[in-house]
């Protein structure tokens, strides 16, 4: 479970960095590319949270 939390923290840091970069992007192409990466990272965060919840439910049921 700790590995999942570590991964989640890493992903959140990545989203924060990508968000800052998107705000500072000089071209629309760059901004769109960064937003696309943000979308992928957000999906990854959602998957990690789902896995954390699943594992929590399993350990609660045991």
N, C-alpha and C. Protein backbone atom coordinates (compact mmCIF):
# COMPACT_ATOMS: atom_id res chain seq x y z
N UNK A 1 0.83 -1.20 0.00
CA UNK A 1 0.00 0.00 0.00
C UNK A 1 0.87 1.26 0.00
N UNK A 2 1.98 1.24 0.73
CA UNK A 2 2.85 2.41 0.77
C UNK A 2 3.37 2.76 -0.61
N UNK A 3 3.63 1.75 -1.42
CA UNK A 3 4.12 2.00 -2.79
C UNK A 3 3.08 2.76 -3.59
N UNK A 4 1.82 2.43 -3.39
CA UNK A 4 0.75 3.14 -4.09
C UNK A 4 0.68 4.60 -3.67
N UNK A 5 0.84 4.87 -2.38
CA UNK A 5 0.83 6.24 -1.90
C UNK A 5 2.03 7.01 -2.45
N UNK A 6 3.18 6.35 -2.50
CA UNK A 6 4.37 6.98 -3.08
C UNK A 6 4.14 7.32 -4.55
N UNK A 7 3.54 6.39 -5.26
CA UNK A 7 3.24 6.62 -6.67
C UNK A 7 2.23 7.76 -6.85
N UNK A 8 1.24 7.80 -5.98
CA UNK A 8 0.24 8.87 -6.03
C UNK A 8 0.89 10.23 -5.79
N UNK A 9 1.75 10.31 -4.81
CA UNK A 9 2.44 11.57 -4.52
C UNK A 9 3.30 12.00 -5.71
N UNK A 10 3.97 11.03 -6.32
CA UNK A 10 4.77 11.34 -7.52
C UNK A 10 3.90 11.89 -8.64
N UNK A 11 2.77 11.23 -8.89
CA UNK A 11 1.86 11.66 -9.96
C UNK A 11 1.30 13.06 -9.68
N UNK A 12 0.98 13.33 -8.43
CA UNK A 12 0.47 14.66 -8.08
C UNK A 12 1.54 15.74 -8.32
N UNK A 13 2.77 15.41 -8.02
CA UNK A 13 3.87 16.33 -8.30
C UNK A 13 4.03 16.57 -9.79
N UNK A 14 3.86 15.52 -10.56
CA UNK A 14 3.94 15.64 -12.02
C UNK A 14 2.83 16.53 -12.55
N UNK A 15 1.63 16.36 -12.03
CA UNK A 15 0.50 17.20 -12.46
C UNK A 15 0.76 18.66 -12.11
N UNK A 16 1.30 18.88 -10.95
CA UNK A 16 1.61 20.25 -10.54
C UNK A 16 2.64 20.89 -11.48
N UNK A 17 3.67 20.14 -11.82
CA UNK A 17 4.71 20.65 -12.72
C UNK A 17 4.15 20.89 -14.13
N UNK A 18 3.34 19.96 -14.61
CA UNK A 18 2.75 20.12 -15.94
C UNK A 18 1.80 21.31 -15.98
N UNK A 19 1.05 21.50 -14.90
CA UNK A 19 0.13 22.64 -14.84
C UNK A 19 0.89 23.96 -14.91
N UNK A 20 1.97 24.04 -14.15
CA UNK A 20 2.78 25.25 -14.17
C UNK A 20 3.37 25.49 -15.55
N UNK A 21 3.85 24.42 -16.17
CA UNK A 21 4.43 24.55 -17.50
C UNK A 21 3.37 24.97 -18.52
N UNK A 22 2.16 24.43 -18.40
CA UNK A 22 1.08 24.80 -19.34
C UNK A 22 0.73 26.27 -19.20
N UNK A 23 0.74 26.76 -17.98
CA UNK A 23 0.45 28.19 -17.77
C UNK A 23 1.51 29.09 -18.40
N UNK A 24 2.74 28.61 -18.44
CA UNK A 24 3.85 29.39 -18.98
C UNK A 24 4.14 29.10 -20.45
N UNK A 25 3.42 28.16 -21.04
CA UNK A 25 3.69 27.77 -22.43
C UNK A 25 3.57 28.98 -23.36
N UNK A 26 4.51 29.06 -24.27
CA UNK A 26 4.56 30.22 -25.17
C UNK A 26 3.73 30.02 -26.43
N UNK A 27 3.47 28.77 -26.77
CA UNK A 27 2.69 28.53 -27.99
C UNK A 27 1.48 27.67 -27.67
N UNK A 28 0.51 27.78 -28.52
CA UNK A 28 -0.71 26.98 -28.36
C UNK A 28 -0.40 25.49 -28.50
N UNK A 29 0.50 25.15 -29.40
CA UNK A 29 0.89 23.75 -29.61
C UNK A 29 1.48 23.17 -28.32
N UNK A 30 2.36 23.93 -27.70
CA UNK A 30 2.96 23.48 -26.44
C UNK A 30 1.91 23.33 -25.35
N UNK A 31 1.03 24.29 -25.27
CA UNK A 31 -0.02 24.27 -24.26
C UNK A 31 -0.92 23.04 -24.44
N UNK A 32 -1.29 22.77 -25.67
CA UNK A 32 -2.15 21.60 -25.95
C UNK A 32 -1.41 20.31 -25.60
N UNK A 33 -0.14 20.23 -25.94
CA UNK A 33 0.64 19.03 -25.61
C UNK A 33 0.70 18.82 -24.10
N UNK A 34 0.93 19.88 -23.37
CA UNK A 34 0.99 19.77 -21.90
C UNK A 34 -0.36 19.41 -21.31
N UNK A 35 -1.41 19.95 -21.85
CA UNK A 35 -2.76 19.62 -21.35
C UNK A 35 -3.08 18.16 -21.65
N UNK A 36 -2.63 17.67 -22.79
CA UNK A 36 -2.82 16.26 -23.12
C UNK A 36 -2.09 15.38 -22.11
N UNK A 37 -0.88 15.77 -21.75
CA UNK A 37 -0.14 15.03 -20.73
C UNK A 37 -0.84 15.10 -19.38
N UNK A 38 -1.38 16.26 -19.06
CA UNK A 38 -2.15 16.41 -17.81
C UNK A 38 -3.33 15.45 -17.77
N UNK A 39 -3.99 15.32 -18.88
CA UNK A 39 -5.13 14.41 -18.96
C UNK A 39 -4.70 12.97 -18.67
N UNK A 40 -3.58 12.57 -19.25
CA UNK A 40 -3.07 11.21 -19.02
C UNK A 40 -2.66 11.02 -17.56
N UNK A 41 -2.01 12.02 -16.99
CA UNK A 41 -1.60 11.91 -15.58
C UNK A 41 -2.81 11.87 -14.65
N UNK A 42 -3.83 12.62 -14.98
CA UNK A 42 -5.06 12.61 -14.18
C UNK A 42 -5.72 11.23 -14.22
N UNK A 43 -5.72 10.61 -15.38
CA UNK A 43 -6.26 9.25 -15.50
C UNK A 43 -5.45 8.28 -14.65
N UNK A 44 -4.15 8.45 -14.64
CA UNK A 44 -3.28 7.60 -13.83
C UNK A 44 -3.57 7.78 -12.34
N UNK A 45 -3.78 9.02 -11.92
CA UNK A 45 -4.12 9.29 -10.52
C UNK A 45 -5.44 8.61 -10.17
N UNK A 46 -6.40 8.69 -11.05
CA UNK A 46 -7.69 8.05 -10.81
C UNK A 46 -7.53 6.54 -10.65
N UNK A 47 -6.70 5.94 -11.49
CA UNK A 47 -6.47 4.50 -11.40
C UNK A 47 -5.78 4.12 -10.09
N UNK A 48 -4.83 4.93 -9.67
CA UNK A 48 -4.13 4.67 -8.40
C UNK A 48 -5.11 4.78 -7.23
N UNK A 49 -5.95 5.81 -7.24
CA UNK A 49 -6.94 5.96 -6.17
C UNK A 49 -7.91 4.79 -6.15
N UNK A 50 -8.35 4.35 -7.31
CA UNK A 50 -9.23 3.17 -7.37
C UNK A 50 -8.55 1.96 -6.75
N UNK A 51 -7.27 1.77 -7.05
CA UNK A 51 -6.54 0.62 -6.51
C UNK A 51 -6.39 0.74 -4.99
N UNK A 52 -6.11 1.95 -4.52
CA UNK A 52 -6.01 2.15 -3.07
C UNK A 52 -7.33 1.82 -2.39
N UNK A 53 -8.43 2.29 -2.96
CA UNK A 53 -9.75 2.01 -2.38
C UNK A 53 -10.06 0.52 -2.40
N UNK A 54 -9.73 -0.15 -3.50
CA UNK A 54 -9.96 -1.61 -3.58
C UNK A 54 -9.18 -2.34 -2.51
N UNK A 55 -7.91 -1.99 -2.37
CA UNK A 55 -7.08 -2.66 -1.37
C UNK A 55 -7.57 -2.37 0.04
N UNK A 56 -8.04 -1.16 0.27
CA UNK A 56 -8.56 -0.80 1.59
C UNK A 56 -9.82 -1.61 1.91
N UNK A 57 -10.69 -1.72 0.93
CA UNK A 57 -11.91 -2.52 1.14
C UNK A 57 -11.59 -3.98 1.40
N UNK A 58 -10.62 -4.51 0.66
CA UNK A 58 -10.23 -5.90 0.85
C UNK A 58 -9.65 -6.14 2.23
N UNK A 59 -8.82 -5.21 2.69
CA UNK A 59 -8.22 -5.39 4.02
C UNK A 59 -9.26 -5.18 5.12
N UNK A 60 -10.26 -4.34 4.88
CA UNK A 60 -11.34 -4.13 5.86
C UNK A 60 -12.24 -5.35 5.95
N UNK A 61 -12.42 -6.04 4.82
CA UNK A 61 -13.29 -7.21 4.79
C UNK A 61 -12.62 -8.43 5.40
N UNK A 62 -11.30 -8.43 5.46
CA UNK A 62 -10.57 -9.60 5.96
C UNK A 62 -10.57 -9.70 7.46
